[in-house]
């Protein structure tokens, strides 16, 4: 059983605001963030679930006024981070920045590796085979993040390569006050569990296990982020963690990654999927498990996800 690192409630922050010039929005089970530049322009980080463009618009107007963002930057291209991307870029007519290894999944060339329902222990993990895995195509709006690590339009921020959860996954870090937007490099809730997601129970976990395709790389990525000693950690799943204990908790996760994050079994637990700039090259064979359990878990997860989404809409 994969366990989480308990987080003191005093260390769990709000999504809105997260830090100076940074606000967040939770859409059912995933977060998006907006970052204001010193010049006043702002950038959207990730694009949430499908059918969430309206919520993102209302939140953006409340936090950043009526102007569209200067761009959208992506931690990666999984369905829960790009669900409203095409609708938003069509309306706003802005560029989309991502790592080059994510391009195949954002230009229609390749699907992601198959998800692994046996890597997690909860209903959302068992539902994983039903999740869309792309690709989408955002056309000529897509741009590669600069090789020098800078983030276009956001001076003081840099992007950090954090592969493992996906081939070209990145995180964003502001050196001055050590604010980290982590994407799915780690989570502060158990993303396999529908009840934990609904309650936003605060625990530090590794990346969502059912979609992580290279656990060795994921462990190195967590170790790289722990070395930054972040004072604010804003994940793609779960509430932000703030204060002096944030860096220590992340270091504990890095030092005990196999205990707290790596699944005991599953398709990618010990053998990664391989991908390059053209997309997926090879994947290990699937783990054979009890089909009735998968079907029952998927049905339960569907009901749970509907309940989470309905609750999120009523509290928006």
Protein backbone atom coordinates (compact mmCIF):
# COMPACT_ATOMS: atom_id res chain seq x y z
CA UNK A 1 0.00 0.00 0.00
CA UNK A 2 1.30 3.43 -0.92
CA UNK A 3 0.99 5.82 1.97
CA UNK A 4 1.20 9.59 2.09
CA UNK A 5 3.15 12.04 4.23
CA UNK A 6 0.68 13.75 6.57
CA UNK A 7 0.65 17.53 6.26
CA UNK A 8 -0.14 19.75 9.26
CA UNK A 9 -3.33 21.70 8.54
CA UNK A 10 -1.54 24.99 9.26
CA UNK A 11 0.77 24.29 6.34
CA UNK A 12 -2.02 23.81 3.80
CA UNK A 13 -2.74 27.03 1.93
CA UNK A 14 -5.54 28.42 -0.16
CA UNK A 15 -5.72 28.30 -3.94
CA UNK A 16 -6.73 31.92 -4.20
CA UNK A 17 -4.28 33.52 -3.68
CA UNK A 18 -1.36 31.09 -3.57
CA UNK A 19 1.49 33.61 -3.34
CA UNK A 20 2.26 37.15 -4.47
CA UNK A 21 0.94 37.45 -8.03
CA UNK A 22 -0.15 33.79 -8.15
CA UNK A 23 -3.75 32.59 -7.93
CA UNK A 24 -5.21 29.13 -8.41
CA UNK A 25 -8.51 27.52 -9.31
CA UNK A 26 -9.56 23.96 -8.47
CA UNK A 27 -11.75 22.34 -11.11
CA UNK A 28 -13.14 19.11 -9.64
CA UNK A 29 -9.88 17.17 -9.20
CA UNK A 30 -7.27 19.39 -10.86
CA UNK A 31 -5.81 22.88 -10.42
CA UNK A 32 -4.96 25.63 -12.85
CA UNK A 33 -2.89 28.69 -11.93
CA UNK A 34 -2.53 32.27 -13.10
CA UNK A 35 0.72 34.20 -12.69
CA UNK A 36 0.95 37.98 -12.99
CA UNK A 37 4.13 39.46 -14.46
CA UNK A 38 5.67 42.71 -13.10
CA UNK A 39 4.34 44.55 -16.19
CA UNK A 40 0.79 43.58 -15.24
CA UNK A 41 0.20 40.96 -17.94
CA UNK A 42 -0.64 37.46 -16.79
CA UNK A 43 -0.08 33.86 -17.89
CA UNK A 44 -2.31 30.82 -17.46
CA UNK A 45 -0.64 27.61 -16.28
CA UNK A 46 -2.52 24.54 -17.61
CA UNK A 47 -6.09 24.47 -18.91
CA UNK A 48 -8.10 22.15 -16.68
CA UNK A 49 -10.75 19.61 -17.55
CA UNK A 50 -13.05 19.52 -20.54
CA UNK A 51 -16.00 21.94 -20.36
CA UNK A 52 -14.25 24.16 -17.80
CA UNK A 53 -13.50 27.15 -20.05
CA UNK A 54 -16.40 29.12 -18.59
CA UNK A 55 -15.18 28.64 -15.02
CA UNK A 56 -11.65 29.62 -16.03
CA UNK A 57 -12.97 32.78 -17.70
CA UNK A 58 -14.93 33.85 -14.61
CA UNK A 59 -12.01 33.13 -12.29
CA UNK A 60 -9.58 34.96 -14.58
CA UNK A 61 -11.80 38.02 -14.71
CA UNK A 62 -12.09 38.06 -10.93
CA UNK A 63 -8.33 37.74 -10.39
CA UNK A 64 -6.75 39.33 -13.46
CA UNK A 65 -9.38 41.63 -14.95
CA UNK A 66 -10.89 41.35 -18.40
CA UNK A 67 -7.69 41.08 -20.46
CA UNK A 68 -6.77 37.65 -21.88
CA UNK A 69 -3.48 36.08 -20.77
CA UNK A 70 -0.34 36.75 -22.76
CA UNK A 71 0.06 32.97 -23.17
CA UNK A 72 -0.78 29.56 -21.77
CA UNK A 73 2.08 27.44 -20.45
CA UNK A 74 1.69 23.71 -19.83
CA UNK A 75 3.24 21.45 -17.25
CA UNK A 76 2.24 18.57 -19.56
CA UNK A 77 -0.54 17.46 -21.87
CA UNK A 78 -2.63 14.92 -19.96
CA UNK A 79 -6.38 15.28 -20.44
CA UNK A 80 -7.06 16.94 -17.08
CA UNK A 81 -4.49 19.68 -17.82
CA UNK A 82 -5.49 20.49 -21.42
CA UNK A 83 -9.22 19.80 -21.42
CA UNK A 84 -10.24 23.37 -22.27
CA UNK A 85 -7.05 24.30 -24.10
CA UNK A 86 -8.36 24.45 -27.66
CA UNK A 87 -11.43 26.44 -26.67
CA UNK A 88 -9.35 28.93 -24.70
CA UNK A 89 -6.67 29.48 -27.34
CA UNK A 90 -9.28 29.85 -30.07
CA UNK A 91 -11.03 32.57 -28.08
CA UNK A 92 -7.95 34.31 -26.70
CA UNK A 93 -5.68 33.78 -29.75
CA UNK A 94 -2.56 33.29 -27.61
CA UNK A 95 0.49 31.01 -27.92
CA UNK A 96 0.87 27.76 -25.98
CA UNK A 97 4.27 26.91 -24.51
CA UNK A 98 5.33 23.36 -23.63
CA UNK A 99 8.38 21.11 -23.55
CA UNK A 100 9.33 19.65 -26.92
CA UNK A 101 8.79 16.07 -25.69
CA UNK A 102 5.12 16.93 -25.11
CA UNK A 103 4.64 18.09 -28.71
CA UNK A 104 3.52 14.69 -30.11
CA UNK A 105 0.52 14.71 -27.74
CA UNK A 106 -0.36 18.34 -28.55
CA UNK A 107 -0.03 18.15 -32.34
CA UNK A 108 -2.07 15.03 -33.05
CA UNK A 109 0.90 12.70 -33.65
CA UNK A 110 0.79 10.27 -30.73
CA UNK A 111 -1.30 9.09 -27.81
CA UNK A 112 0.26 8.88 -24.37
CA UNK A 113 1.25 5.46 -23.01
CA UNK A 114 -1.78 3.51 -21.71
CA UNK A 115 -2.70 4.30 -18.10
CA UNK A 116 -2.10 1.66 -15.44
CA UNK A 117 -5.14 0.90 -13.25
CA UNK A 118 -3.10 -1.44 -11.05
CA UNK A 119 -0.65 1.25 -9.94
CA UNK A 120 -3.16 2.90 -7.60
CA UNK A 121 -5.45 1.59 -4.91
CA UNK A 122 -8.61 3.66 -5.29
CA UNK A 123 -11.62 4.11 -7.53
CA UNK A 124 -10.01 6.82 -9.67
CA UNK A 125 -7.12 4.48 -10.42
CA UNK A 126 -9.44 1.66 -11.50
CA UNK A 127 -11.23 4.11 -13.79
CA UNK A 128 -7.96 5.01 -15.55
CA UNK A 129 -8.53 2.87 -18.68
CA UNK A 130 -11.51 5.12 -19.47
CA UNK A 131 -9.53 8.37 -19.36
CA UNK A 132 -8.73 10.02 -22.69
CA UNK A 133 -5.06 9.90 -23.60
CA UNK A 134 -5.06 12.14 -26.63
CA UNK A 135 -3.69 13.40 -28.73
CA UNK A 136 -5.12 16.87 -29.31
CA UNK A 137 -3.91 19.35 -31.91
CA UNK A 138 -3.43 23.03 -31.08
CA UNK A 139 -1.82 23.67 -34.45
CA UNK A 140 0.55 26.54 -35.07
CA UNK A 141 -0.06 28.11 -31.65
CA UNK A 142 2.34 25.64 -30.03
CA UNK A 143 5.82 26.89 -29.03
CA UNK A 144 8.78 25.12 -27.40
CA UNK A 145 9.90 26.41 -24.02
CA UNK A 146 13.30 28.16 -24.40
CA UNK A 147 16.37 26.00 -23.92
CA UNK A 148 17.82 28.46 -21.39
CA UNK A 149 15.11 27.67 -18.84
CA UNK A 150 13.39 31.05 -18.94
CA UNK A 151 9.60 31.31 -19.04
CA UNK A 152 8.34 33.64 -21.78
CA UNK A 153 6.64 36.71 -20.34
CA UNK A 154 7.45 35.84 -16.72
CA UNK A 155 10.79 37.32 -15.66
CA UNK A 156 12.12 35.76 -12.47
CA UNK A 157 10.57 32.37 -13.26
CA UNK A 158 12.28 29.36 -14.78
CA UNK A 159 11.03 26.02 -15.96
CA UNK A 160 12.46 22.84 -14.46
CA UNK A 161 12.48 19.54 -16.39
CA UNK A 162 10.59 17.03 -14.24
CA UNK A 163 9.90 14.00 -16.47
CA UNK A 164 8.48 10.71 -15.25
CA UNK A 165 4.79 11.39 -14.95
CA UNK A 166 4.94 12.23 -18.64
CA UNK A 167 7.93 12.39 -21.01
CA UNK A 168 8.14 16.20 -21.20
CA UNK A 169 6.67 17.17 -17.85
CA UNK A 170 7.97 20.48 -16.44
CA UNK A 171 7.50 22.52 -13.27
CA UNK A 172 7.86 26.28 -12.77
CA UNK A 173 9.91 28.00 -10.05
CA UNK A 174 10.30 31.60 -8.92
CA UNK A 175 13.69 31.98 -7.29
CA UNK A 176 13.07 35.19 -5.30
CA UNK A 177 10.48 33.72 -2.93
CA UNK A 178 10.89 30.03 -3.85
CA UNK A 179 7.38 29.51 -5.22
CA UNK A 180 7.01 26.19 -7.04
CA UNK A 181 4.18 25.29 -9.45
CA UNK A 182 4.77 21.56 -9.59
CA UNK A 183 2.20 20.20 -12.04
CA UNK A 184 1.94 16.46 -11.44
CA UNK A 185 5.52 15.90 -10.29
CA UNK A 186 3.89 15.28 -6.90
CA UNK A 187 0.46 15.82 -5.33
CA UNK A 188 -0.87 16.92 -1.94
CA UNK A 189 -3.82 14.54 -2.02
CA UNK A 190 -4.16 10.85 -2.82
CA UNK A 191 -5.12 11.15 -6.49
CA UNK A 192 -6.12 7.48 -6.70
CA UNK A 193 -8.86 7.91 -4.09
CA UNK A 194 -12.17 9.54 -4.99
CA UNK A 195 -12.94 10.22 -1.32
CA UNK A 196 -9.55 11.87 -0.74
CA UNK A 197 -10.02 14.03 -3.84
CA UNK A 198 -13.53 15.04 -2.79
CA UNK A 199 -12.38 15.97 0.72
CA UNK A 200 -9.04 17.39 -0.43
CA UNK A 201 -7.43 15.46 2.40
CA UNK A 202 -3.93 16.89 2.79
CA UNK A 203 -1.13 14.34 2.32
CA UNK A 204 2.03 14.59 0.27
CA UNK A 205 2.15 11.91 -2.44
CA UNK A 206 4.17 11.18 -5.52
CA UNK A 207 2.73 11.80 -8.99
CA UNK A 208 -0.70 10.34 -9.83
CA UNK A 209 0.31 6.68 -10.17
CA UNK A 210 -2.05 5.46 -12.87
CA UNK A 211 -0.64 7.89 -15.45
CA UNK A 212 3.05 7.83 -14.45
CA UNK A 213 5.06 5.96 -17.08
CA UNK A 214 8.65 6.16 -15.73
CA UNK A 215 9.08 5.83 -11.97
CA UNK A 216 12.86 6.15 -11.93
CA UNK A 217 12.63 9.48 -13.76
CA UNK A 218 9.77 10.58 -11.50
CA UNK A 219 11.91 9.91 -8.42
CA UNK A 220 14.79 11.94 -9.83
CA UNK A 221 12.37 14.77 -10.59
CA UNK A 222 11.08 14.89 -7.02
CA UNK A 223 14.66 14.91 -5.79
CA UNK A 224 15.47 17.81 -8.13
CA UNK A 225 12.50 19.82 -6.84
CA UNK A 226 13.34 19.05 -3.21
CA UNK A 227 16.79 20.54 -3.84
CA UNK A 228 15.14 23.88 -4.64
CA UNK A 229 13.90 24.14 -1.01
CA UNK A 230 10.51 25.59 -2.01
CA UNK A 231 8.60 27.68 0.52
CA UNK A 232 5.34 27.43 -1.45
CA UNK A 233 4.37 24.26 -3.32
CA UNK A 234 1.41 24.57 -5.69
CA UNK A 235 0.58 21.14 -7.15
CA UNK A 236 -1.69 20.13 -10.00
CA UNK A 237 -3.73 18.01 -7.58
CA UNK A 238 -4.46 18.98 -3.98
CA UNK A 239 -4.15 22.21 -2.05
CA UNK A 240 -0.93 24.26 -1.97
CA UNK A 241 1.50 23.70 0.87
CA UNK A 242 3.13 26.77 2.37
CA UNK A 243 5.52 27.65 5.17
CA UNK A 244 8.77 26.32 6.59
CA UNK A 245 7.65 22.68 6.65
CA UNK A 246 7.06 22.54 2.88
CA UNK A 247 10.66 21.91 1.90
CA UNK A 248 11.13 19.35 4.65
CA UNK A 249 8.09 17.34 3.60
CA UNK A 250 9.25 17.31 -0.01
CA UNK A 251 12.72 16.21 1.05
CA UNK A 252 11.14 13.36 3.02
CA UNK A 253 9.24 12.30 -0.09
CA UNK A 254 12.43 12.44 -2.17
CA UNK A 255 14.42 10.38 0.31
CA UNK A 256 11.67 7.74 0.64
CA UNK A 257 10.24 7.83 -2.87
CA UNK A 258 9.86 4.06 -3.26
CA UNK A 259 7.92 3.86 0.01
CA UNK A 260 5.64 6.85 -0.53
CA UNK A 261 5.24 6.91 -4.31
CA UNK A 262 6.40 3.96 -6.42
CA UNK A 263 3.68 1.30 -6.75
CA UNK A 264 4.51 -2.25 -5.68
CA UNK A 265 3.02 -3.62 -8.88
CA UNK A 266 1.73 -2.35 -12.16
CA UNK A 267 2.69 -1.97 -15.79
CA UNK A 268 5.38 0.68 -15.25
CA UNK A 269 6.36 -0.05 -11.64
CA UNK A 270 9.76 -1.41 -12.66
CA UNK A 271 9.86 -1.02 -16.46
CA UNK A 272 9.28 2.41 -18.04
CA UNK A 273 7.58 3.36 -21.25
CA UNK A 274 9.94 4.95 -23.76
CA UNK A 275 9.13 8.03 -25.83
CA UNK A 276 10.98 10.52 -28.00
CA UNK A 277 10.17 13.68 -29.93
CA UNK A 278 7.84 11.67 -32.19
CA UNK A 279 5.84 10.11 -29.37
CA UNK A 280 5.65 6.72 -27.71
CA UNK A 281 8.31 4.23 -28.85
CA UNK A 282 7.57 1.23 -26.61
CA UNK A 283 5.60 0.22 -23.54
CA UNK A 284 5.92 -2.82 -21.27
CA UNK A 285 3.16 -5.45 -21.44
CA UNK A 286 0.04 -4.83 -19.36
CA UNK A 287 -0.48 -6.41 -15.98
CA UNK A 288 -3.32 -8.94 -16.11
CA UNK A 289 -5.80 -8.53 -13.28
CA UNK A 290 -9.38 -9.32 -12.29
CA UNK A 291 -11.65 -7.73 -14.91
CA UNK A 292 -14.74 -7.62 -12.65
CA UNK A 293 -12.84 -5.53 -10.13
CA UNK A 294 -11.81 -3.10 -12.85
CA UNK A 295 -15.38 -2.80 -14.14
CA UNK A 296 -16.82 -2.31 -10.67
CA UNK A 297 -14.11 0.18 -9.80
CA UNK A 298 -14.71 2.13 -12.99
CA UNK A 299 -18.44 2.33 -12.30
CA UNK A 300 -17.84 3.48 -8.72
CA UNK A 301 -15.27 6.01 -9.88
CA UNK A 302 -17.68 7.38 -12.50
CA UNK A 303 -20.26 8.08 -9.81
CA UNK A 304 -17.62 9.58 -7.53
CA UNK A 305 -16.22 11.80 -10.26
CA UNK A 306 -19.73 13.02 -11.10
CA UNK A 307 -20.27 13.87 -7.42
CA UNK A 308 -16.95 15.71 -7.21
CA UNK A 309 -17.72 17.73 -10.34
CA UNK A 310 -21.23 18.57 -9.15
CA UNK A 311 -19.87 19.72 -5.79
CA UNK A 312 -17.23 21.85 -7.50
CA UNK A 313 -19.88 23.52 -9.70
CA UNK A 314 -22.13 24.35 -6.75
CA UNK A 315 -19.23 25.98 -4.89
CA UNK A 316 -17.87 27.95 -7.85
